[in-house]
C-alpha atoms as a PDB file:
ATOM      1  CA  MET A   1      -7.622 -32.299 -44.557  1.00  0.00           C
ATOM      2  CA  THR A   2      -8.660 -33.464 -41.091  1.00  0.00           C
ATOM      3  CA  GLN A   3      -5.548 -35.665 -40.935  1.00  0.00           C
ATOM      4  CA  LEU A   4      -3.413 -32.507 -40.793  1.00  0.00           C
ATOM      5  CA  LEU A   5      -5.441 -31.006 -37.942  1.00  0.00           C
ATOM      6  CA  ALA A   6      -5.504 -32.178 -34.339  1.00  0.00           C
ATOM      7  CA  PRO A   7      -8.848 -33.752 -33.336  1.00  0.00           C
ATOM      8  CA  GLY A   8     -11.242 -31.054 -32.219  1.00  0.00           C
ATOM      9  CA  ALA A   9      -8.687 -28.280 -32.742  1.00  0.00           C
ATOM     10  CA  PRO A  10      -9.917 -24.884 -33.985  1.00  0.00           C
ATOM     11  CA  ILE A  11      -9.569 -24.176 -37.698  1.00  0.00           C
ATOM     12  CA  THR A  12      -7.886 -21.003 -38.907  1.00  0.00           C
ATOM     13  CA  VAL A  13      -9.340 -19.941 -42.250  1.00  0.00           C
ATOM     14  CA  ALA A  14      -7.770 -17.310 -44.486  1.00  0.00           C
ATOM     15  CA  VAL A  15      -9.993 -15.410 -46.925  1.00  0.00           C
ATOM     16  CA  ASP A  16      -8.596 -13.326 -49.757  1.00  0.00           C
ATOM     17  CA  ASP A  17      -8.957 -12.674 -53.453  1.00  0.00           C
ATOM     18  CA  THR A  18      -6.414 -12.790 -56.252  1.00  0.00           C
ATOM     19  CA  LEU A  19      -6.327 -11.741 -59.887  1.00  0.00           C
ATOM     20  CA  PHE A  20      -5.510 -14.128 -62.717  1.00  0.00           C
ATOM     21  CA  ARG A  21      -4.623 -11.884 -65.645  1.00  0.00           C
ATOM     22  CA  ARG A  22      -6.403 -12.505 -68.926  1.00  0.00           C
ATOM     23  CA  ARG A  23      -6.700 -10.749 -72.262  1.00  0.00           C
ATOM     24  CA  GLY A  24      -9.727 -10.266 -74.440  1.00  0.00           C
ATOM     25  CA  LYS A  25     -13.152  -8.793 -73.797  1.00  0.00           C
ATOM     26  CA  LYS A  26     -14.853 -12.101 -74.642  1.00  0.00           C
ATOM     27  CA  VAL A  27     -13.309 -13.919 -71.692  1.00  0.00           C
ATOM     28  CA  HIS A  28     -16.031 -14.820 -69.213  1.00  0.00           C
ATOM     29  CA  GLY A  29     -16.108 -12.743 -66.026  1.00  0.00           C
ATOM     30  CA  VAL A  30     -13.158 -10.475 -66.789  1.00  0.00           C
ATOM     31  CA  GLY A  31     -12.800  -6.936 -65.534  1.00  0.00           C
ATOM     32  CA  TRP A  32     -10.445  -4.431 -63.970  1.00  0.00           C
ATOM     33  CA  PHE A  33      -9.615  -5.382 -60.385  1.00  0.00           C
ATOM     34  CA  HIS A  34      -7.098  -4.484 -57.726  1.00  0.00           C
ATOM     35  CA  ASP A  35      -3.817  -6.340 -58.280  1.00  0.00           C
ATOM     36  CA  GLY A  36      -1.248  -5.997 -55.520  1.00  0.00           C
ATOM     37  CA  SER A  37       1.475  -7.501 -57.735  1.00  0.00           C
ATOM     38  CA  ALA A  38       1.001  -4.914 -60.492  1.00  0.00           C
ATOM     39  CA  ALA A  39       3.891  -2.575 -61.247  1.00  0.00           C
ATOM     40  CA  GLY A  40       3.573   1.124 -60.480  1.00  0.00           C
ATOM     41  CA  GLN A  41       1.341   3.027 -58.086  1.00  0.00           C
ATOM     42  CA  THR A  42      -1.891   2.114 -59.867  1.00  0.00           C
ATOM     43  CA  LYS A  43      -2.448  -1.424 -58.633  1.00  0.00           C
ATOM     44  CA  LEU A  44      -4.900  -2.512 -61.308  1.00  0.00           C
ATOM     45  CA  GLY A  45      -5.038  -5.529 -63.587  1.00  0.00           C
ATOM     46  CA  PHE A  46      -7.423  -6.989 -66.158  1.00  0.00           C
ATOM     47  CA  GLY A  47      -8.568 -10.565 -65.734  1.00  0.00           C
ATOM     48  CA  ASN A  48     -10.562 -12.979 -63.584  1.00  0.00           C
ATOM     49  CA  ASN A  49     -10.742 -12.256 -59.888  1.00  0.00           C
ATOM     50  CA  TRP A  50     -11.210 -15.211 -57.541  1.00  0.00           C
ATOM     51  CA  VAL A  51     -12.252 -15.189 -53.899  1.00  0.00           C
ATOM     52  CA  VAL A  52     -10.502 -18.051 -52.124  1.00  0.00           C
ATOM     53  CA  VAL A  53     -10.984 -19.670 -48.729  1.00  0.00           C
ATOM     54  CA  ALA A  54      -8.000 -21.641 -47.430  1.00  0.00           C
ATOM     55  CA  ILE A  55      -7.402 -23.655 -44.270  1.00  0.00           C
ATOM     56  CA  ILE A  56      -4.104 -22.814 -42.595  1.00  0.00           C
ATOM     57  CA  VAL A  57      -2.153 -25.821 -41.336  1.00  0.00           C
ATOM     58  CA  THR A  58       1.199 -26.335 -39.658  1.00  0.00           C
ATOM     59  CA  LEU A  59       3.314 -29.128 -41.127  1.00  0.00           C
ATOM     60  CA  PRO A  60       5.989 -30.809 -38.986  1.00  0.00           C
ATOM     61  CA  PHE A  61       8.693 -30.322 -41.624  1.00  0.00           C
ATOM     62  CA  MET A  62       7.902 -26.651 -42.320  1.00  0.00           C
ATOM     63  CA  SER A  63       8.717 -23.654 -40.136  1.00  0.00           C
ATOM     64  CA  ARG A  64       5.988 -21.532 -41.739  1.00  0.00           C
ATOM     65  CA  PRO A  65       2.237 -22.150 -41.908  1.00  0.00           C
ATOM     66  CA  VAL A  66       0.733 -23.340 -45.190  1.00  0.00           C
ATOM     67  CA  ALA A  67      -2.616 -22.250 -46.626  1.00  0.00           C
ATOM     68  CA  LEU A  68      -4.526 -24.994 -48.425  1.00  0.00           C
ATOM     69  CA  PRO A  69      -7.381 -23.732 -50.676  1.00  0.00           C
ATOM     70  CA  VAL A  70     -10.658 -25.567 -50.177  1.00  0.00           C
ATOM     71  CA  LEU A  71     -13.267 -23.247 -51.736  1.00  0.00           C
ATOM     72  CA  ALA A  72     -13.240 -20.598 -54.473  1.00  0.00           C
ATOM     73  CA  ALA A  73     -15.761 -18.326 -56.176  1.00  0.00           C
ATOM     74  CA  LEU A  74     -15.451 -16.109 -59.241  1.00  0.00           C
ATOM     75  CA  ALA A  75     -16.076 -12.424 -58.525  1.00  0.00           C
ATOM     76  CA  VAL A  76     -17.780 -10.713 -61.457  1.00  0.00           C
ATOM     77  CA  LYS A  77     -17.685  -6.956 -61.859  1.00  0.00           C
ATOM     78  CA  GLY A  78     -21.177  -5.572 -61.325  1.00  0.00           C
ATOM     79  CA  GLY A  79     -22.452  -8.956 -60.149  1.00  0.00           C
ATOM     80  CA  ASP A  80     -25.055  -9.634 -57.492  1.00  0.00           C
ATOM     81  CA  GLN A  81     -22.481 -10.238 -54.754  1.00  0.00           C
ATOM     82  CA  SER A  82     -19.374  -8.378 -53.697  1.00  0.00           C
ATOM     83  CA  LYS A  83     -16.129 -10.149 -52.894  1.00  0.00           C
ATOM     84  CA  PRO A  84     -16.749 -10.024 -49.106  1.00  0.00           C
ATOM     85  CA  ASP A  85     -20.267 -11.395 -49.650  1.00  0.00           C
ATOM     86  CA  LEU A  86     -18.851 -14.307 -51.654  1.00  0.00           C
ATOM     87  CA  ALA A  87     -16.250 -14.930 -48.959  1.00  0.00           C
ATOM     88  CA  ARG A  88     -18.936 -14.996 -46.257  1.00  0.00           C
ATOM     89  CA  ASP A  89     -20.968 -17.571 -48.200  1.00  0.00           C
ATOM     90  CA  LEU A  90     -17.897 -19.779 -48.633  1.00  0.00           C
ATOM     91  CA  VAL A  91     -16.941 -19.514 -44.959  1.00  0.00           C
ATOM     92  CA  ASP A  92     -20.476 -20.436 -43.898  1.00  0.00           C
ATOM     93  CA  LEU A  93     -20.272 -23.547 -46.088  1.00  0.00           C
ATOM     94  CA  LEU A  94     -17.010 -24.493 -44.432  1.00  0.00           C
ATOM     95  CA  ALA A  95     -18.410 -23.912 -40.944  1.00  0.00           C
ATOM     96  CA  GLU A  96     -21.345 -26.208 -41.728  1.00  0.00           C
ATOM     97  CA  ARG A  97     -18.852 -28.932 -42.618  1.00  0.00           C
ATOM     98  CA  PHE A  98     -16.978 -28.568 -39.306  1.00  0.00           C
ATOM     99  CA  LEU A  99     -19.762 -28.071 -36.787  1.00  0.00           C
ATOM    100  CA  ASP A 100     -17.663 -29.659 -34.050  1.00  0.00           C
ATOM    101  CA  ARG A 101     -14.820 -27.151 -34.354  1.00  0.00           C
ATOM    102  CA  GLU A 102     -14.278 -23.457 -33.812  1.00  0.00           C
ATOM    103  CA  VAL A 103     -13.575 -21.517 -36.999  1.00  0.00           C
ATOM    104  CA  HIS A 104     -11.270 -18.493 -36.788  1.00  0.00           C
ATOM    105  CA  ILE A 105     -11.389 -16.338 -39.939  1.00  0.00           C
ATOM    106  CA  VAL A 106      -8.551 -13.993 -40.879  1.00  0.00           C
ATOM    107  CA  GLY A 107      -8.645 -11.478 -43.706  1.00  0.00           C
ATOM    108  CA  ASP A 108      -7.050  -8.199 -44.707  1.00  0.00           C
ATOM    109  CA  ALA A 109      -8.688  -4.798 -44.284  1.00  0.00           C
ATOM    110  CA  ALA A 110     -10.835  -5.265 -47.404  1.00  0.00           C
ATOM    111  CA  TYR A 111     -12.779  -7.997 -45.587  1.00  0.00           C
ATOM    112  CA  GLY A 112     -13.327  -5.965 -42.440  1.00  0.00           C
ATOM    113  CA  CYS A 113     -16.831  -4.989 -43.505  1.00  0.00           C
ATOM    114  CA  GLY A 114     -20.502  -5.610 -42.855  1.00  0.00           C
ATOM    115  CA  ALA A 115     -20.459  -8.935 -44.709  1.00  0.00           C
ATOM    116  CA  PHE A 116     -18.994 -10.563 -41.594  1.00  0.00           C
ATOM    117  CA  ILE A 117     -21.435  -9.172 -39.076  1.00  0.00           C
ATOM    118  CA  GLY A 118     -23.334 -11.678 -36.927  1.00  0.00           C
ATOM    119  CA  LEU A 119     -21.083 -14.723 -37.264  1.00  0.00           C
ATOM    120  CA  GLY A 120     -22.398 -18.032 -35.998  1.00  0.00           C
ATOM    121  CA  ASP A 121     -21.500 -19.694 -32.720  1.00  0.00           C
ATOM    122  CA  GLY A 122     -17.899 -20.817 -32.606  1.00  0.00           C
ATOM    123  CA  MET A 123     -16.853 -18.450 -35.396  1.00  0.00           C
ATOM    124  CA  THR A 124     -14.603 -15.391 -35.038  1.00  0.00           C
ATOM    125  CA  MET A 125     -13.219 -12.810 -37.446  1.00  0.00           C
ATOM    126  CA  THR A 126      -9.858 -11.047 -37.244  1.00  0.00           C
ATOM    127  CA  THR A 127      -8.915  -8.300 -39.652  1.00  0.00           C
ATOM    128  CA  ARG A 128      -6.765  -5.221 -39.915  1.00  0.00           C
ATOM    129  CA  ALA A 129      -8.264  -1.875 -38.939  1.00  0.00           C
ATOM    130  CA  LYS A 130      -8.350   0.974 -41.415  1.00  0.00           C
ATOM    131  CA  THR A 131      -6.733   4.218 -40.273  1.00  0.00           C
ATOM    132  CA  ASN A 132     -10.090   5.997 -40.280  1.00  0.00           C
ATOM    133  CA  SER A 133     -12.021   3.327 -38.352  1.00  0.00           C
ATOM    134  CA  VAL A 134     -13.882   4.851 -35.412  1.00  0.00           C
ATOM    135  CA  PHE A 135     -14.596   2.941 -32.198  1.00  0.00           C
ATOM    136  CA  HIS A 136     -17.069   3.454 -29.348  1.00  0.00           C
ATOM    137  CA  HIS A 137     -17.436   2.224 -25.808  1.00  0.00           C
ATOM    138  CA  PRO A 138     -19.718  -0.826 -25.346  1.00  0.00           C
ATOM    139  CA  THR A 139     -23.476  -0.413 -25.257  1.00  0.00           C
ATOM    140  CA  PRO A 140     -24.453   1.226 -21.960  1.00  0.00           C
ATOM    141  CA  GLU A 141     -27.077  -0.252 -19.685  1.00  0.00           C
ATOM    142  CA  ARG A 142     -30.643   0.892 -20.130  1.00  0.00           C
ATOM    143  CA  THR A 143     -31.594   3.927 -18.071  1.00  0.00           C
ATOM    144  CA  GLY A 144     -35.251   3.028 -17.678  1.00  0.00           C
ATOM    145  CA  LYS A 145     -36.320   6.279 -19.281  1.00  0.00           C
ATOM    146  CA  ARG A 146     -38.698   6.527 -22.192  1.00  0.00           C
ATOM    147  CA  GLY A 147     -37.350   6.440 -25.723  1.00  0.00           C
ATOM    148  CA  ARG A 148     -35.065   4.248 -27.734  1.00  0.00           C
ATOM    149  CA  PRO A 149     -32.132   2.900 -25.708  1.00  0.00           C
ATOM    150  CA  ARG A 150     -28.603   3.714 -26.825  1.00  0.00           C
ATOM    151  CA  LEU A 151     -26.927   1.169 -29.073  1.00  0.00           C
ATOM    152  CA  LYS A 152     -23.373   2.418 -28.523  1.00  0.00           C
ATOM    153  CA  GLY A 153     -21.396   4.139 -25.818  1.00  0.00           C
ATOM    154  CA  ASP A 154     -19.367   7.295 -26.032  1.00  0.00           C
ATOM    155  CA  ARG A 155     -16.933   7.775 -28.872  1.00  0.00           C
ATOM    156  CA  ILE A 156     -13.406   6.488 -28.242  1.00  0.00           C
ATOM    157  CA  GLY A 157     -11.914   7.578 -31.548  1.00  0.00           C
ATOM    158  CA  THR A 158      -9.569   6.015 -34.072  1.00  0.00           C
ATOM    159  CA  ALA A 159      -6.740   3.599 -33.444  1.00  0.00           C
ATOM    160  CA  THR A 160      -4.417   6.595 -33.206  1.00  0.00           C
ATOM    161  CA  ASP A 161      -6.543   8.010 -30.395  1.00  0.00           C
ATOM    162  CA  ILE A 162      -6.499   4.653 -28.611  1.00  0.00           C
ATOM    163  CA  ALA A 163      -2.703   4.471 -28.909  1.00  0.00           C
ATOM    164  CA  THR A 164      -2.394   7.843 -27.157  1.00  0.00           C
ATOM    165  CA  THR A 165      -4.274   6.846 -24.008  1.00  0.00           C
ATOM    166  CA  ALA A 166      -3.838   3.054 -23.918  1.00  0.00           C
ATOM    167  CA  THR A 167      -1.752   1.140 -21.401  1.00  0.00           C
ATOM    168  CA  TRP A 168       1.090  -0.600 -23.214  1.00  0.00           C
ATOM    169  CA  ARG A 169       2.932  -3.711 -22.076  1.00  0.00           C
ATOM    170  CA  ASN A 170       5.784  -5.842 -23.353  1.00  0.00           C
ATOM    171  CA  ALA A 171       4.933  -9.137 -25.024  1.00  0.00           C
ATOM    172  CA  THR A 172       6.677 -11.880 -26.974  1.00  0.00           C
ATOM    173  CA  VAL A 173       4.973 -12.713 -30.266  1.00  0.00           C
ATOM    174  CA  SER A 174       5.741 -15.235 -33.009  1.00  0.00           C
ATOM    175  CA  ARG A 175       5.041 -14.155 -36.574  1.00  0.00           C
ATOM    176  CA  TYR A 176       6.543 -14.866 -39.975  1.00  0.00           C
ATOM    177  CA  GLY A 177       8.866 -17.472 -38.477  1.00  0.00           C
ATOM    178  CA  VAL A 178      10.451 -15.023 -36.013  1.00  0.00           C
ATOM    179  CA  THR A 179       9.860 -14.574 -32.299  1.00  0.00           C
ATOM    180  CA  SER A 180      10.354 -10.993 -31.140  1.00  0.00           C
ATOM    181  CA  LEU A 181       9.661  -8.659 -28.230  1.00  0.00           C
ATOM    182  CA  VAL A 182       7.064  -5.976 -28.938  1.00  0.00           C
ATOM    183  CA  ARG A 183       4.686  -3.692 -27.091  1.00  0.00           C
ATOM    184  CA  ILE A 184       0.938  -4.237 -27.281  1.00  0.00           C
ATOM    185  CA  ALA A 185      -2.223  -2.562 -26.039  1.00  0.00           C
ATOM    186  CA  GLU A 186      -5.853  -3.606 -26.281  1.00  0.00           C
ATOM    187  CA  VAL A 187      -9.335  -2.304 -25.620  1.00  0.00           C
ATOM    188  CA  THR A 188     -12.774  -3.937 -25.811  1.00  0.00           C
ATOM    189  CA  CYS A 189     -15.242  -1.750 -27.649  1.00  0.00           C
ATOM    190  CA  LEU A 190     -17.705  -1.478 -30.541  1.00  0.00           C
ATOM    191  CA  TRP A 191     -16.894  -0.966 -34.202  1.00  0.00           C
ATOM    192  CA  PHE A 192     -20.382   0.375 -34.639  1.00  0.00           C
ATOM    193  CA  GLY A 193     -20.064   1.720 -38.170  1.00  0.00           C
ATOM    194  CA  THR A 194     -19.201  -1.742 -39.486  1.00  0.00           C
ATOM    195  CA  TRP A 195     -20.133  -4.530 -37.059  1.00  0.00           C
ATOM    196  CA  ARG A 196     -22.834  -2.627 -35.154  1.00  0.00           C
ATOM    197  CA  THR A 197     -23.332  -3.978 -31.620  1.00  0.00           C
ATOM    198  CA  ASP A 198     -21.049  -7.007 -31.936  1.00  0.00           C
ATOM    199  CA  PRO A 199     -18.325  -6.490 -29.289  1.00  0.00           C
ATOM    200  CA  VAL A 200     -14.760  -6.469 -30.609  1.00  0.00           C
ATOM    201  CA  ARG A 201     -11.236  -6.099 -29.324  1.00  0.00           C
ATOM    202  CA  VAL A 202      -8.797  -3.629 -30.833  1.00  0.00           C
ATOM    203  CA  ILE A 203      -5.213  -4.835 -30.445  1.00  0.00           C
ATOM    204  CA  LEU A 204      -2.402  -2.393 -31.174  1.00  0.00           C
ATOM    205  CA  LEU A 205       1.200  -3.404 -31.735  1.00  0.00           C
ATOM    206  CA  ARG A 206       4.396  -1.396 -32.015  1.00  0.00           C
ATOM    207  CA  ASP A 207       8.140  -1.854 -31.703  1.00  0.00           C
ATOM    208  CA  THR A 208       9.804  -1.574 -28.309  1.00  0.00           C
ATOM    209  CA  THR A 209      11.818   1.413 -29.521  1.00  0.00           C
ATOM    210  CA  THR A 210       8.679   3.365 -30.490  1.00  0.00           C
ATOM    211  CA  THR A 211       6.963   5.589 -27.951  1.00  0.00           C
ATOM    212  CA  THR A 212       4.133   7.035 -30.049  1.00  0.00           C
ATOM    213  CA  GLY A 213       1.554   5.714 -32.493  1.00  0.00           C
ATOM    214  CA  TYR A 214       1.301   2.082 -33.510  1.00  0.00           C
ATOM    215  CA  GLU A 215       2.637  -0.285 -36.172  1.00  0.00           C
ATOM    216  CA  ILE A 216      -0.500  -2.309 -36.810  1.00  0.00           C
ATOM    217  CA  ALA A 217      -4.048  -2.321 -35.447  1.00  0.00           C
ATOM    218  CA  LEU A 218      -6.077  -5.529 -35.436  1.00  0.00           C
ATOM    219  CA  ILE A 219      -9.801  -5.954 -34.844  1.00  0.00           C
ATOM    220  CA  THR A 220     -11.142  -9.294 -33.673  1.00  0.00           C
ATOM    221  CA  THR A 221     -14.440 -10.688 -32.460  1.00  0.00           C
ATOM    222  CA  ASP A 222     -12.506 -13.278 -30.433  1.00  0.00           C
ATOM    223  CA  LEU A 223     -12.940 -12.075 -26.855  1.00  0.00           C
ATOM    224  CA  THR A 224     -11.052 -14.906 -25.136  1.00  0.00           C
ATOM    225  CA  ALA A 225      -7.758 -15.569 -26.946  1.00  0.00           C
ATOM    226  CA  THR A 226      -4.629 -13.764 -25.773  1.00  0.00           C
ATOM    227  CA  PRO A 227      -3.386 -10.783 -27.816  1.00  0.00           C
ATOM    228  CA  GLU A 228      -0.254 -12.769 -28.638  1.00  0.00           C
ATOM    229  CA  ALA A 229      -2.381 -15.552 -30.136  1.00  0.00           C
ATOM    230  CA  ILE A 230      -4.432 -13.055 -32.157  1.00  0.00           C
ATOM    231  CA  ILE A 231      -1.288 -11.448 -33.587  1.00  0.00           C
ATOM    232  CA  ALA A 232       0.179 -14.836 -34.543  1.00  0.00           C
ATOM    233  CA  ARG A 233      -3.148 -15.865 -36.075  1.00  0.00           C
ATOM    234  CA  TYR A 234      -3.318 -12.782 -38.264  1.00  0.00           C
ATOM    235  CA  ALA A 235       0.328 -13.145 -39.298  1.00  0.00           C
ATOM    236  CA  ALA A 236      -0.473 -16.663 -40.518  1.00  0.00           C
ATOM    237  CA  ARG A 237      -2.815 -15.043 -43.061  1.00  0.00           C
ATOM    238  CA  PHE A 238       0.231 -14.269 -45.219  1.00  0.00           C
ATOM    239  CA  ALA A 239       0.420 -17.977 -46.077  1.00  0.00           C
ATOM    240  CA  ILE A 240      -2.435 -17.503 -48.566  1.00  0.00           C
ATOM    241  CA  GLU A 241      -0.353 -14.923 -50.449  1.00  0.00           C
ATOM    242  CA  VAL A 242       2.427 -17.508 -50.777  1.00  0.00           C
ATOM    243  CA  THR A 243      -0.124 -20.024 -52.036  1.00  0.00           C
ATOM    244  CA  PHE A 244      -1.328 -17.634 -54.743  1.00  0.00           C
ATOM    245  CA  PHE A 245       2.241 -17.067 -55.943  1.00  0.00           C
ATOM    246  CA  GLU A 246       3.058 -20.773 -56.084  1.00  0.00           C
ATOM    247  CA  VAL A 247      -0.216 -21.750 -57.771  1.00  0.00           C
ATOM    248  CA  LYS A 248       0.324 -19.148 -60.485  1.00  0.00           C
ATOM    249  CA  ASN A 249       4.038 -19.651 -61.084  1.00  0.00           C
ATOM    250  CA  ILE A 250       4.865 -23.242 -60.099  1.00  0.00           C
ATOM    251  CA  LEU A 251       1.657 -25.087 -60.931  1.00  0.00           C
ATOM    252  CA  GLY A 252       1.160 -22.902 -64.010  1.00  0.00           C
ATOM    253  CA  VAL A 253      -2.390 -21.809 -63.330  1.00  0.00           C
ATOM    254  CA  GLY A 254      -1.401 -18.236 -64.106  1.00  0.00           C
ATOM    255  CA  GLN A 255      -0.653 -19.233 -67.704  1.00  0.00           C
ATOM    256  CA  ALA A 256      -4.074 -20.753 -68.355  1.00  0.00           C
ATOM    257  CA  ARG A 257      -5.975 -19.235 -71.305  1.00  0.00           C
ATOM    258  CA  ASN A 258      -9.721 -19.759 -71.206  1.00  0.00           C
ATOM    259  CA  ARG A 259     -12.653 -17.842 -72.632  1.00  0.00           C
ATOM    260  CA  VAL A 260     -15.911 -19.746 -72.315  1.00  0.00           C
ATOM    261  CA  ARG A 261     -17.719 -19.818 -68.997  1.00  0.00           C
ATOM    262  CA  LYS A 262     -17.248 -23.463 -68.019  1.00  0.00           C
ATOM    263  CA  ALA A 263     -13.534 -23.430 -68.801  1.00  0.00           C
ATOM    264  CA  VAL A 264     -12.995 -20.227 -66.829  1.00  0.00           C
ATOM    265  CA  GLU A 265     -14.968 -21.491 -63.840  1.00  0.00           C
ATOM    266  CA  ARG A 266     -13.136 -24.832 -63.729  1.00  0.00           C
ATOM    267  CA  THR A 267      -9.470 -24.153 -64.461  1.00  0.00           C
ATOM    268  CA  VAL A 268      -8.474 -21.929 -61.537  1.00  0.00           C
ATOM    269  CA  PRO A 269     -10.325 -23.901 -58.810  1.00  0.00           C
ATOM    270  CA  PHE A 270      -8.843 -27.108 -60.225  1.00  0.00           C
ATOM    271  CA  GLY A 271      -5.347 -25.649 -59.954  1.00  0.00           C
ATOM    272  CA  LEU A 272      -5.971 -24.377 -56.425  1.00  0.00           C
ATOM    273  CA  PHE A 273      -7.261 -27.734 -55.250  1.00  0.00           C
ATOM    274  CA  CYS A 274      -4.358 -29.548 -56.941  1.00  0.00           C
ATOM    275  CA  TYR A 275      -2.060 -27.450 -54.765  1.00  0.00           C
ATOM    276  CA  SER A 276      -3.902 -28.645 -51.670  1.00  0.00           C
ATOM    277  CA  ILE A 277      -3.872 -32.274 -52.836  1.00  0.00           C
ATOM    278  CA  LEU A 278      -0.147 -32.063 -53.594  1.00  0.00           C
ATOM    279  CA  THR A 279       0.655 -30.693 -50.141  1.00  0.00           C
ATOM    280  CA  ILE A 280      -1.565 -33.211 -48.355  1.00  0.00           C
ATOM    281  CA  TRP A 281      -0.050 -36.129 -50.303  1.00  0.00           C
ATOM    282  CA  TYR A 282       3.475 -35.002 -49.530  1.00  0.00           C
ATOM    283  CA  ALA A 283       2.720 -34.471 -45.837  1.00  0.00           C
ATOM    284  CA  LEU A 284       1.082 -37.893 -45.419  1.00  0.00           C
ATOM    285  CA  ARG A 285       2.966 -40.090 -47.901  1.00  0.00           C
ATOM    286  CA  GLY A 286       5.759 -38.312 -49.745  1.00  0.00           C
ATOM    287  CA  HIS A 287       7.951 -36.587 -47.165  1.00  0.00           C
ATOM    288  CA  ASP A 288      11.341 -37.995 -46.292  1.00  0.00           C
ATOM    289  CA  HIS A 289      13.728 -36.341 -43.845  1.00  0.00           C
ATOM    290  CA  THR A 290      16.528 -36.523 -46.439  1.00  0.00           C
ATOM    291  CA  ASP A 291      14.661 -34.569 -49.150  1.00  0.00           C
ATOM    292  CA  ALA A 292      16.213 -31.204 -48.292  1.00  0.00           C
ATOM    293  CA  ALA A 293      19.720 -32.694 -48.110  1.00  0.00           C
ATOM    294  CA  GLN A 294      19.282 -34.381 -51.490  1.00  0.00           C
ATOM    295  CA  ARG A 295      18.140 -31.114 -52.978  1.00  0.00           C
ATOM    296  CA  ARG A 296      21.205 -29.307 -51.592  1.00  0.00           C
ATOM    297  CA  ALA A 297      23.429 -31.990 -53.086  1.00  0.00           C
ATOM    298  CA  ALA A 298      21.794 -31.595 -56.502  1.00  0.00           C
ATOM    299  CA  ALA A 299      21.818 -27.790 -56.295  1.00  0.00           C
ATOM    300  CA  PRO A 300      24.791 -26.807 -54.096  1.00  0.00           C
ATOM    301  CA  TRP A 301      23.955 -23.094 -54.381  1.00  0.00           C
ATOM    302  CA  TYR A 302      21.118 -23.704 -51.912  1.00  0.00           C
ATOM    303  CA  THR A 303      23.544 -23.591 -48.992  1.00  0.00           C
ATOM    304  CA  THR A 304      20.944 -22.778 -46.336  1.00  0.00           C
ATOM    305  CA  LYS A 305      18.041 -24.890 -47.584  1.00  0.00           C
ATOM    306  CA  THR A 306      16.567 -26.946 -44.754  1.00  0.00           C
ATOM    307  CA  GLU A 307      12.938 -27.420 -45.830  1.00  0.00           C
ATOM    308  CA  PRO A 308      11.267 -28.812 -48.957  1.00  0.00           C
ATOM    309  CA  SER A 309       9.624 -26.284 -51.249  1.00  0.00           C
ATOM    310  CA  THR A 310       6.463 -26.695 -53.297  1.00  0.00           C
ATOM    311  CA  LEU A 311       8.638 -27.307 -56.358  1.00  0.00           C
ATOM    312  CA  ASP A 312      10.408 -30.115 -54.482  1.00  0.00           C
ATOM    313  CA  MET A 313       7.050 -31.680 -53.629  1.00  0.00           C
ATOM    314  CA  LEU A 314       5.876 -31.429 -57.232  1.00  0.00           C
ATOM    315  CA  THR A 315       9.126 -32.876 -58.598  1.00  0.00           C
ATOM    316  CA  LYS A 316       8.933 -35.865 -56.267  1.00  0.00           C
ATOM    317  CA  LEU A 317       5.321 -36.562 -57.175  1.00  0.00           C
ATOM    318  CA  ARG A 318       6.088 -36.390 -60.909  1.00  0.00           C
ATOM    319  CA  ARG A 319       8.972 -38.826 -60.545  1.00  0.00           C
ATOM    320  CA  LEU A 320       6.826 -41.285 -58.603  1.00  0.00           C
ATOM    321  CA  ILE A 321       4.072 -41.078 -61.227  1.00  0.00           C
ATOM    322  CA  ILE A 322       6.577 -41.674 -64.024  1.00  0.00           C
ATOM    323  CA  THR A 323       8.079 -44.604 -62.123  1.00  0.00           C
ATOM    324  CA  ALA A 324       4.679 -46.159 -61.528  1.00  0.00           C
ATOM    325  CA  ARG A 325       3.802 -45.791 -65.209  1.00  0.00           C
ATOM    326  CA  PHE A 326       6.952 -47.318 -66.714  1.00  0.00           C
ATOM    327  CA  LEU A 327       8.059 -49.577 -63.852  1.00  0.00           C
ATOM    328  CA  PRO A 328       4.778 -50.847 -62.397  1.00  0.00           C
ATOM    329  CA  SER A 329       6.505 -53.673 -60.529  1.00  0.00           C
ATOM    330  CA  SER A 330       8.671 -51.299 -58.469  1.00  0.00           C
END
């Protein structure tokens, strides 16, 4: 993994959970969980829910970031730990492995909770603010009077309230492979109800044609990075959603059928880590600049294909394994 990261460069870590659908009450660890891919308004599914931590890397032959799973934990309904608690434990393990690097965590609104309060040195958390999140001014200085000092300043309000009074400016941001001009505003404050006295920045973003409200509100404990960098960092979180789709549908982990505990606890992590191994192998040993052109020649309906897909990587690896097995002298 370190071969895909610049020496000493910060590590962006995406945390999220995903549901692997299963049937049968005797399957270990199953339950009803949120499933964003479920049809209809009720986004629920029955199966095993996995909390995954992935390192986001940029590959020279890909225009989009790639999330490589490195740790996973099974979330059990009614268990001792919630999904954010499991994610925090996994992130702490990762941070212990990379003590010489900064670790920037990104997660959706479900992980903007008390589980990520009090991060270690060199660690930051960026998440999406809920519409009802309330913010306060930083802790005021002590007055010298008797009694308990104040832990938070005056109430600022919700992100909507901030958008009404904030100073907006134009900025160029890169997200989802597109560079665009937007308007952003930011304020340093406290998210006291969730992260107590840890100072945070609220970064609001909206389109240049919009004069009221906001499109997205981000909360980050990173007090030094530019707002543009924070927005791009959070946008890179979507790479883990792509990873989940490809692991389930291309590597076939979504079709696994296990019941007993050991089988359940091994199959999904094995598939996730195989995805990471496949991508690392292709980036270091398997990539050739003609791969995309060869794929277009074999499948001429891909008229705009310029980058190898995960299926292309897997196909190339399978062919090399077959060649090595039957033609060992080649």
